[in-house]
Protein backbone atom coordinates (compact mmCIF):
# COMPACT_ATOMS: atom_id res chain seq x y z
CA UNK A 1 -15.59 -20.30 37.01
CA UNK A 2 -17.97 -22.60 35.47
CA UNK A 3 -21.40 -21.58 33.67
CA UNK A 4 -24.22 -20.82 36.01
CA UNK A 5 -27.28 -23.87 35.62
CA UNK A 6 -29.63 -21.17 34.37
CA UNK A 7 -27.45 -19.91 31.95
CA UNK A 8 -26.72 -22.83 30.52
CA UNK A 9 -30.24 -24.01 30.36
CA UNK A 10 -30.99 -21.10 28.62
CA UNK A 11 -28.21 -21.65 26.18
CA UNK A 12 -29.50 -25.38 25.46
CA UNK A 13 -32.78 -23.50 24.35
CA UNK A 14 -31.24 -21.34 22.48
CA UNK A 15 -29.10 -23.96 20.85
CA UNK A 16 -32.45 -25.92 19.57
CA UNK A 17 -33.96 -22.67 18.00
CA UNK A 18 -31.13 -20.39 17.10
CA UNK A 19 -33.22 -18.73 14.54
CA UNK A 20 -35.85 -17.43 16.53
CA UNK A 21 -35.37 -14.45 19.70
CA UNK A 22 -36.36 -16.98 22.94
CA UNK A 23 -38.03 -14.89 25.56
CA UNK A 24 -36.74 -16.75 28.80
CA UNK A 25 -39.29 -17.09 31.74
CA UNK A 26 -37.63 -15.72 34.85
CA UNK A 27 -40.17 -14.67 37.64
CA UNK A 28 -42.33 -11.99 36.66
CA UNK A 29 -40.59 -11.11 33.29
CA UNK A 30 -39.39 -12.94 29.84
CA UNK A 31 -35.44 -12.16 29.58
CA UNK A 32 -33.19 -12.26 26.57
CA UNK A 33 -29.44 -12.88 27.01
CA UNK A 34 -26.35 -11.96 24.56
CA UNK A 35 -27.00 -11.53 20.79
CA UNK A 36 -30.95 -11.80 21.31
CA UNK A 37 -30.66 -9.17 24.03
CA UNK A 38 -28.50 -6.54 21.98
CA UNK A 39 -30.94 -7.05 19.17
CA UNK A 40 -34.14 -6.93 21.44
CA UNK A 41 -33.17 -4.09 22.96
CA UNK A 42 -32.16 -1.92 19.79
CA UNK A 43 -35.40 -3.52 17.67
CA UNK A 44 -37.95 -2.55 20.89
CA UNK A 45 -36.07 0.34 22.71
CA UNK A 46 -35.32 -1.53 25.74
CA UNK A 47 -32.45 -0.72 28.44
CA UNK A 48 -29.76 -3.12 27.93
CA UNK A 49 -28.05 -4.17 30.97
CA UNK A 50 -25.87 -7.32 32.26
CA UNK A 51 -25.81 -10.63 34.25
CA UNK A 52 -23.70 -12.09 35.65
CA UNK A 53 -23.21 -15.81 34.44
CA UNK A 54 -20.00 -17.99 35.31
CA UNK A 55 -18.01 -16.34 32.47
CA UNK A 56 -15.33 -13.59 32.46
CA UNK A 57 -17.90 -10.87 30.88
CA UNK A 58 -21.52 -10.13 32.44
CA UNK A 59 -23.83 -11.58 29.84
CA UNK A 60 -26.03 -8.95 27.72
CA UNK A 61 -29.50 -8.84 29.30
CA UNK A 62 -32.74 -6.87 28.94
CA UNK A 63 -36.34 -8.03 29.32
CA UNK A 64 -40.02 -7.47 29.21
CA UNK A 65 -42.81 -7.97 31.88
CA UNK A 66 -44.60 -11.06 31.28
CA UNK A 67 -48.37 -9.03 31.53
CA UNK A 68 -47.51 -7.32 28.80
CA UNK A 69 -45.49 -9.82 26.65
CA UNK A 70 -47.85 -9.91 23.72
CA UNK A 71 -47.26 -6.30 23.19
CA UNK A 72 -43.13 -6.80 22.41
CA UNK A 73 -43.67 -10.05 20.67
CA UNK A 74 -46.58 -7.95 18.01
CA UNK A 75 -43.58 -5.73 17.67
CA UNK A 76 -40.88 -8.08 16.61
CA UNK A 77 -43.19 -10.00 15.02
CA UNK A 78 -44.15 -7.01 12.62
CA UNK A 79 -40.63 -6.77 11.71
CA UNK A 80 -40.24 -10.34 10.51
CA UNK A 81 -38.90 -11.98 13.29
CA UNK A 82 -39.55 -15.26 14.80
CA UNK A 83 -39.65 -15.56 18.94
CA UNK A 84 -39.91 -18.76 21.19
CA UNK A 85 -41.73 -18.58 24.38
CA UNK A 86 -39.75 -19.98 27.12
CA UNK A 87 -42.09 -20.65 30.01
CA UNK A 88 -41.26 -21.70 33.47
CA UNK A 89 -43.00 -25.43 34.25
CA UNK A 90 -42.41 -25.38 37.83
CA UNK A 91 -42.72 -23.79 40.75
CA UNK A 92 -39.68 -21.88 42.18
CA UNK A 93 -38.56 -23.30 45.53
CA UNK A 94 -36.56 -21.96 48.53
CA UNK A 95 -33.73 -23.67 48.07
CA UNK A 96 -31.55 -23.34 45.04
CA UNK A 97 -33.14 -25.91 42.78
CA UNK A 98 -33.33 -25.03 39.32
CA UNK A 99 -36.89 -23.93 37.52
CA UNK A 100 -37.97 -26.45 35.01
CA UNK A 101 -38.62 -24.59 31.65
CA UNK A 102 -39.22 -25.59 28.25
CA UNK A 103 -40.39 -24.20 24.54
CA UNK A 104 -44.07 -23.85 24.86
CA UNK A 105 -45.05 -22.32 21.49
CA UNK A 106 -42.70 -20.43 18.95
CA UNK A 107 -44.58 -17.65 17.44
CA UNK A 108 -43.99 -16.53 13.78
CA UNK A 109 -45.55 -13.76 10.93
CA UNK A 110 -47.53 -16.89 9.80
CA UNK A 111 -48.90 -18.27 13.17
CA UNK A 112 -50.13 -15.32 15.23
CA UNK A 113 -53.11 -16.74 16.96
CA UNK A 114 -53.89 -13.82 19.58
CA UNK A 115 -56.55 -11.74 17.96
CA UNK A 116 -55.03 -8.99 19.53
CA UNK A 117 -51.99 -9.12 17.20
CA UNK A 118 -53.90 -9.71 14.34
CA UNK A 119 -56.65 -7.69 11.56
CA UNK A 120 -59.71 -8.96 13.04
CA UNK A 121 -61.12 -8.02 9.25
CA UNK A 122 -58.74 -10.22 7.29
CA UNK A 123 -57.17 -13.85 7.47
CA UNK A 124 -53.69 -14.22 8.48
CA UNK A 125 -52.19 -16.69 6.54
CA UNK A 126 -48.99 -19.08 6.21
CA UNK A 127 -48.70 -20.65 2.75
CA UNK A 128 -47.02 -23.65 2.15
CA UNK A 129 -45.48 -24.14 -1.74
CA UNK A 130 -44.59 -27.53 -3.40
CA UNK A 131 -43.00 -27.48 -6.76
CA UNK A 132 -42.96 -30.44 -8.99
CA UNK A 133 -42.41 -30.46 -12.73
CA UNK A 134 -44.27 -27.45 -14.12
CA UNK A 135 -47.05 -27.43 -11.42
CA UNK A 136 -47.51 -26.47 -7.95
CA UNK A 137 -49.17 -27.74 -5.01
CA UNK A 138 -50.50 -24.67 -2.37
CA UNK A 139 -51.77 -25.77 1.36
CA UNK A 140 -52.25 -22.58 3.48
CA UNK A 141 -53.66 -22.06 6.75
CA UNK A 142 -55.01 -19.53 9.03
CA UNK A 143 -54.03 -21.11 12.72
CA UNK A 144 -56.24 -17.97 14.32
CA UNK A 145 -59.49 -19.68 12.72
CA UNK A 146 -58.43 -23.26 11.77
CA UNK A 147 -59.34 -22.81 7.68
CA UNK A 148 -57.03 -24.97 5.94
CA UNK A 149 -57.10 -24.88 2.26
CA UNK A 150 -55.25 -26.86 -0.67
CA UNK A 151 -55.25 -25.41 -4.61
CA UNK A 152 -53.21 -26.98 -7.81
CA UNK A 153 -51.93 -24.89 -10.18
CA UNK A 154 -50.94 -26.92 -13.61
CA UNK A 155 -48.46 -23.57 -14.59
CA UNK A 156 -46.83 -22.68 -11.68
CA UNK A 157 -44.88 -19.77 -13.48
CA UNK A 158 -48.02 -18.30 -14.83
CA UNK A 159 -50.33 -18.82 -11.90
CA UNK A 160 -48.39 -18.50 -8.61
CA UNK A 161 -48.27 -14.46 -8.66
CA UNK A 162 -51.36 -14.18 -8.79
CA UNK A 163 -52.71 -16.58 -6.28
CA UNK A 164 -49.87 -15.41 -4.03
CA UNK A 165 -51.70 -12.19 -4.48
CA UNK A 166 -55.10 -13.52 -3.32
CA UNK A 167 -53.82 -15.41 -0.40
CA UNK A 168 -51.57 -12.51 0.92
CA UNK A 169 -49.62 -15.01 3.21
CA UNK A 170 -47.51 -13.72 6.06
CA UNK A 171 -45.13 -16.14 5.68
CA UNK A 172 -44.03 -18.92 3.61
CA UNK A 173 -42.37 -22.52 3.19
CA UNK A 174 -41.25 -24.57 0.30
CA UNK A 175 -39.34 -27.01 -1.35
CA UNK A 176 -37.27 -24.87 -3.91
CA UNK A 177 -36.70 -21.75 -2.88
CA UNK A 178 -34.85 -20.65 -6.22
CA UNK A 179 -38.06 -21.97 -8.26
CA UNK A 180 -40.30 -19.54 -5.96
CA UNK A 181 -37.98 -16.64 -6.42
CA UNK A 182 -38.07 -17.17 -10.11
CA UNK A 183 -42.01 -17.57 -10.42
CA UNK A 184 -41.95 -14.65 -8.41
CA UNK A 185 -39.75 -12.15 -10.08
CA UNK A 186 -38.33 -11.50 -6.71
CA UNK A 187 -36.40 -12.60 -3.38
CA UNK A 188 -38.90 -13.66 -0.79
CA UNK A 189 -38.18 -14.55 3.00
CA UNK A 190 -38.46 -18.27 3.35
CA UNK A 191 -39.06 -19.82 6.36
CA UNK A 192 -36.92 -23.02 7.24
CA UNK A 193 -38.13 -26.31 6.36
CA UNK A 194 -36.46 -29.75 6.07
CA UNK A 195 -36.84 -31.36 2.97
CA UNK A 196 -37.35 -34.42 4.70
CA UNK A 197 -41.27 -32.87 5.61
CA UNK A 198 -41.81 -32.95 1.77
CA UNK A 199 -41.73 -36.56 1.70
CA UNK A 200 -44.89 -38.22 0.24
CA UNK A 201 -45.06 -41.01 2.62
CA UNK A 202 -44.33 -38.61 5.64
CA UNK A 203 -46.68 -35.98 4.69
CA UNK A 204 -49.74 -38.90 4.23
CA UNK A 205 -48.69 -40.00 7.55
CA UNK A 206 -48.49 -36.17 9.07
CA UNK A 207 -52.48 -35.87 7.56
CA UNK A 208 -53.29 -39.44 8.60
CA UNK A 209 -52.23 -38.64 12.07
CA UNK A 210 -53.97 -35.25 12.43
CA UNK A 211 -57.21 -35.68 10.88
CA UNK A 212 -57.57 -39.04 12.20
CA UNK A 213 -57.81 -41.48 9.06
CA UNK A 214 -56.25 -44.81 7.87
CA UNK A 215 -55.84 -43.19 4.27
CA UNK A 216 -55.55 -39.88 2.52
CA UNK A 217 -57.87 -40.55 -0.07
CA UNK A 218 -60.42 -40.22 2.87
CA UNK A 219 -59.88 -36.20 3.02
CA UNK A 220 -60.80 -36.34 -0.79
CA UNK A 221 -57.11 -36.40 -2.67
CA UNK A 222 -56.10 -38.41 -5.24
CA UNK A 223 -53.89 -41.50 -4.87
CA UNK A 224 -51.33 -39.07 -6.45
CA UNK A 225 -52.26 -35.93 -5.69
CA UNK A 226 -49.10 -33.56 -4.90
CA UNK A 227 -51.37 -31.43 -2.80
CA UNK A 228 -50.54 -34.08 0.31
CA UNK A 229 -46.97 -33.06 0.22
CA UNK A 230 -47.75 -29.57 0.98
CA UNK A 231 -50.38 -29.80 3.03
CA UNK A 232 -48.23 -32.64 4.89
CA UNK A 233 -45.31 -30.29 5.45
CA UNK A 234 -47.40 -27.51 6.28
CA UNK A 235 -48.89 -29.78 9.06
CA UNK A 236 -45.48 -30.42 10.62
CA UNK A 237 -44.31 -26.84 10.73
CA UNK A 238 -47.18 -26.23 12.57
CA UNK A 239 -47.22 -29.30 15.12
CA UNK A 240 -42.77 -28.25 15.26
CA UNK A 241 -43.80 -24.67 16.58
CA UNK A 242 -46.82 -24.51 18.24
CA UNK A 243 -46.51 -27.19 20.32
CA UNK A 244 -50.18 -28.24 20.61
CA UNK A 245 -52.45 -30.50 18.82
CA UNK A 246 -53.89 -28.35 16.55
CA UNK A 247 -57.92 -29.51 17.16
CA UNK A 248 -59.57 -26.58 15.60
CA UNK A 249 -58.25 -27.48 12.10
CA UNK A 250 -60.54 -30.08 11.40
CA UNK A 251 -61.20 -29.80 7.81
CA UNK A 252 -59.60 -29.22 4.31
CA UNK A 253 -61.03 -27.12 1.88
CA UNK A 254 -60.21 -27.91 -1.68
CA UNK A 255 -59.96 -24.25 -3.59
CA UNK A 256 -60.79 -25.34 -6.91
CA UNK A 257 -61.41 -21.77 -8.59
CA UNK A 258 -64.07 -23.46 -10.95
CA UNK A 259 -66.79 -21.38 -9.70
CA UNK A 260 -65.40 -17.86 -9.24
CA UNK A 261 -63.15 -15.43 -11.34
CA UNK A 262 -59.67 -15.80 -11.97
CA UNK A 263 -58.33 -12.28 -10.97
CA UNK A 264 -54.60 -11.45 -11.81
CA UNK A 265 -52.21 -9.23 -9.84
CA UNK A 266 -52.34 -6.21 -12.17
CA UNK A 267 -56.55 -5.91 -12.40
CA UNK A 268 -56.86 -6.93 -8.18
CA UNK A 269 -54.77 -3.86 -8.10
CA UNK A 270 -56.48 -1.54 -10.80
CA UNK A 271 -59.93 -2.35 -9.62
CA UNK A 272 -59.10 -1.33 -5.69
CA UNK A 273 -60.79 -4.23 -4.65
CA UNK A 274 -59.00 -4.09 -0.99
CA UNK A 275 -56.46 -1.68 -0.97
CA UNK A 276 -56.00 1.60 -3.13
CA UNK A 277 -53.76 1.97 -5.70
CA UNK A 278 -51.82 5.13 -4.32
CA UNK A 279 -51.37 4.74 -0.84
CA UNK A 280 -52.17 0.67 -0.58
CA UNK A 281 -54.66 1.48 2.28
CA UNK A 282 -57.72 0.03 3.23
CA UNK A 283 -60.01 3.44 3.22
CA UNK A 284 -61.62 3.99 -0.23
CA UNK A 285 -61.22 0.90 -1.63
CA UNK A 286 -64.32 -1.57 -2.92
CA UNK A 287 -64.28 -3.55 0.39
CA UNK A 288 -64.30 -0.31 2.50
CA UNK A 289 -67.15 1.19 0.93
CA UNK A 290 -69.25 -2.20 0.96
CA UNK A 291 -68.07 -3.11 4.32
CA UNK A 292 -71.30 -2.91 6.97
CA UNK A 293 -70.75 -6.00 8.71
CA UNK A 294 -71.41 -6.47 11.98
CA UNK A 295 -69.00 -9.56 13.02
CA UNK A 296 -65.64 -10.08 12.46
CA UNK A 297 -66.43 -13.58 10.85
CA UNK A 298 -68.90 -11.32 8.57
CA UNK A 299 -65.98 -8.80 8.02
CA UNK A 300 -63.56 -12.02 6.64
CA UNK A 301 -66.15 -13.48 4.45
CA UNK A 302 -67.21 -10.67 2.66
CA UNK A 303 -63.29 -9.89 2.13
CA UNK A 304 -62.73 -13.23 0.66
CA UNK A 305 -66.32 -13.02 -1.83
CA UNK A 306 -64.76 -9.42 -2.86
CA UNK A 307 -61.57 -10.96 -3.51
CA UNK A 308 -63.28 -14.00 -5.78
CA UNK A 309 -66.02 -12.98 -8.05
CA UNK A 310 -68.84 -15.98 -8.61
CA UNK A 311 -69.09 -17.05 -12.54
CA UNK A 312 -71.65 -19.75 -11.78
CA UNK A 313 -75.22 -18.09 -12.80
CA UNK A 314 -76.88 -20.13 -10.33
CA UNK A 315 -74.84 -18.94 -7.34
CA UNK A 316 -74.93 -15.18 -8.18
CA UNK A 317 -78.67 -15.37 -8.32
CA UNK A 318 -78.92 -16.97 -4.88
CA UNK A 319 -77.07 -14.08 -3.46
CA UNK A 320 -78.95 -11.43 -5.11
CA UNK A 321 -82.25 -12.94 -4.34
CA UNK A 322 -80.97 -12.52 -0.40
CA UNK A 323 -79.61 -9.20 -1.31
CA UNK A 324 -82.75 -8.21 -2.41
CA UNK A 325 -84.64 -9.68 0.22
CA UNK A 326 -82.92 -7.81 2.72
CA UNK A 327 -83.05 -4.72 1.04
CA UNK A 328 -86.85 -5.02 0.98
CA UNK A 329 -87.85 -5.83 4.51
CA UNK A 330 -85.96 -2.97 6.43
CA UNK A 331 -87.09 -3.96 9.48
CA UNK A 332 -86.32 -6.99 10.36
CA UNK A 333 -82.79 -6.94 8.46
CA UNK A 334 -81.96 -3.92 11.01
CA UNK A 335 -83.14 -5.75 13.98
CA UNK A 336 -80.89 -8.91 12.74
CA UNK A 337 -77.67 -6.39 12.45
CA UNK A 338 -78.50 -5.31 15.79
CA UNK A 339 -78.59 -9.00 17.26
CA UNK A 340 -75.55 -9.51 15.07
CA UNK A 341 -73.72 -7.34 17.06
CA UNK A 342 -73.64 -9.30 20.22
CA UNK A 343 -71.64 -12.17 18.48
CA UNK A 344 -68.24 -12.68 19.01
CA UNK A 345 -65.29 -13.91 16.95
CA UNK A 346 -66.24 -17.33 16.78
CA UNK A 347 -63.54 -19.04 14.69
CA UNK A 348 -61.12 -17.12 16.58
CA UNK A 349 -62.22 -17.69 20.28
CA UNK A 350 -62.83 -21.03 19.95
CA UNK A 351 -58.83 -21.81 18.19
CA UNK A 352 -57.54 -20.26 21.72
CA UNK A 353 -59.57 -23.64 23.05
CA UNK A 354 -56.59 -25.49 20.94
CA UNK A 355 -54.00 -22.83 22.29
CA UNK A 356 -54.81 -23.76 26.31
CA UNK A 357 -55.36 -19.53 25.95
CA UNK A 358 -58.86 -19.55 26.71
CA UNK A 359 -60.25 -17.26 29.74
CA UNK A 360 -63.14 -16.81 31.71
CA UNK A 361 -64.17 -13.51 29.51
CA UNK A 362 -63.83 -15.48 26.50
CA UNK A 363 -66.34 -17.86 28.32
CA UNK A 364 -68.54 -15.49 28.68
CA UNK A 365 -68.49 -13.84 24.93
CA UNK A 366 -69.10 -17.40 23.68
CA UNK A 367 -72.20 -17.34 26.30
CA UNK A 368 -73.63 -14.05 24.90
CA UNK A 369 -73.41 -15.11 21.70
CA UNK A 370 -74.73 -18.63 21.94
CA UNK A 371 -77.41 -16.81 23.55
CA UNK A 372 -77.87 -14.67 20.32
CA UNK A 373 -78.49 -17.64 18.30
CA UNK A 374 -82.40 -18.26 18.73
CA UNK A 375 -83.55 -14.29 18.34
CA UNK A 376 -81.32 -14.73 14.69
CA UNK A 377 -82.65 -17.64 13.80
CA UNK A 378 -86.06 -16.36 14.55
CA UNK A 379 -85.71 -13.32 12.39
CA UNK A 380 -84.06 -15.12 9.49
CA UNK A 381 -87.01 -17.48 9.30
CA UNK A 382 -89.15 -13.89 8.51
CA UNK A 383 -87.08 -14.08 5.02
CA UNK A 384 -88.74 -16.20 2.41
CA UNK A 385 -85.43 -16.91 0.19
CA UNK A 386 -83.64 -20.15 0.42
CA UNK A 387 -80.26 -19.01 0.63
CA UNK A 388 -81.61 -17.66 4.29
CA UNK A 389 -83.70 -20.26 5.38
CA UNK A 390 -80.67 -22.42 4.74
CA UNK A 391 -79.00 -20.11 7.15
CA UNK A 392 -81.49 -20.56 9.85
CA UNK A 393 -81.51 -24.12 9.92
CA UNK A 394 -77.65 -24.61 10.64
CA UNK A 395 -77.34 -22.85 13.45
CA UNK A 396 -77.57 -24.23 17.04
CA UNK A 397 -78.10 -22.44 20.10
CA UNK A 398 -76.39 -25.14 22.23
CA UNK A 399 -78.76 -24.39 25.39
CA UNK A 400 -76.95 -26.96 27.62
CA UNK A 401 -73.49 -24.57 27.33
CA UNK A 402 -74.98 -21.74 27.86
CA UNK A 403 -76.55 -22.38 30.54
CA UNK A 404 -73.24 -24.16 32.13
CA UNK A 405 -71.53 -20.91 31.32
CA UNK A 406 -73.80 -18.17 33.09
CA UNK A 407 -74.18 -20.51 35.85
CA UNK A 408 -70.28 -21.29 36.71
CA UNK A 409 -68.48 -18.00 35.29
CA UNK A 410 -69.25 -14.93 37.50
CA UNK A 411 -70.66 -11.83 35.17
CA UNK A 412 -67.64 -9.94 36.00
CA UNK A 413 -64.77 -12.33 36.12
CA UNK A 414 -61.25 -11.20 35.23
CA UNK A 415 -59.42 -11.98 32.07
CA UNK A 416 -56.33 -13.63 34.31
CA UNK A 417 -57.15 -16.82 36.65
CA UNK A 418 -54.59 -15.56 39.10
CA UNK A 419 -57.07 -12.53 40.48
CA UNK A 420 -59.47 -15.37 41.40
CA UNK A 421 -63.23 -14.18 41.00
CA UNK A 422 -63.56 -16.56 38.13
CA UNK A 423 -66.44 -18.45 39.54
CA UNK A 424 -69.94 -17.50 40.09
CA UNK A 425 -71.12 -17.25 43.78
CA UNK A 426 -72.79 -20.25 44.92
CA UNK A 427 -72.29 -22.29 41.72
CA UNK A 428 -69.76 -24.84 43.79
CA UNK A 429 -68.98 -24.74 47.45
């Protein structure tokens, strides 16, 4: 008896991504079969059943409802698994024609973009390390915000562990797994990456294509810069797994570390900057004590500042002048804090545009954030301190966009497009 067309379709997809648990959309469920089903039923505590598929024995099967898929994916990602989402691309018909399906995204520990699956107060980095000689180039990004960084280590053996602690990646790629383990003094789980991705020419092509430039030097790299290898390989991995243009990654930041204090792993741990020594918890740490931020973006910024103290006298003075101004002008500072509470996590909100998962409620959150800008600007202008005044000038209310959203989107719009009620009454007949 021949294997069923749908099961053959599943096996073809699984063969392309053997390292992933394949979530295969069938109607209102994502189904898993064979070994994936056995593993998922154990890890997610799902009932294991079977399905006739044309083989002598029924295929082991388990599934999760499509509307709750993120909960199950999150549990698997936290356990270190990778998940490939295979979606239906055509509507089922009454006939027996096979529904067209394809992998729309591969979710790995370092490429989670859904804010519901992330800590809003911390970045979620994926790190790519390229070794050459004594040194190493690092490229790391948070796909949920679009932040993309590179840095260079002259001596990987001495510095990598400290940089690793600073970045705290959720996933790691490298061109030399053995060298990485030697530098770290332990074996780390490494994601598979073809060695060809680290080739200088391929890496350059990847960067030029993504950032739409003719030369990598226009991005700030030197002619023989090995950071190109790491950055290009990381972009290749993201392109292969995210299946989209990643348009929210618009700039490369060069982390030099010349204006901030270099803190080794032991110092960070002993000072309990972001977590306690005994339990590894945020509560009780310096960051926990200081963090009175009103936005998720502010919380992540404060964490970065705590982890990398300034050593440049002029920058320290500018920051302290701003802090003093807020301390001495309590009423406008309180009003500013209240206004900031209306601002959504714009970094992670806008990344949803690249993933085509931006919904009506996200639009309303963006509108409320934009409408908060003018009051925030007015409050910032009350502080005659250069650092604060500069902030006021960088903000743009984007009136036309907020007005369009207010006219077009129903104020009580549901999160799912299939429920209807998204477009405001009277906007468009």
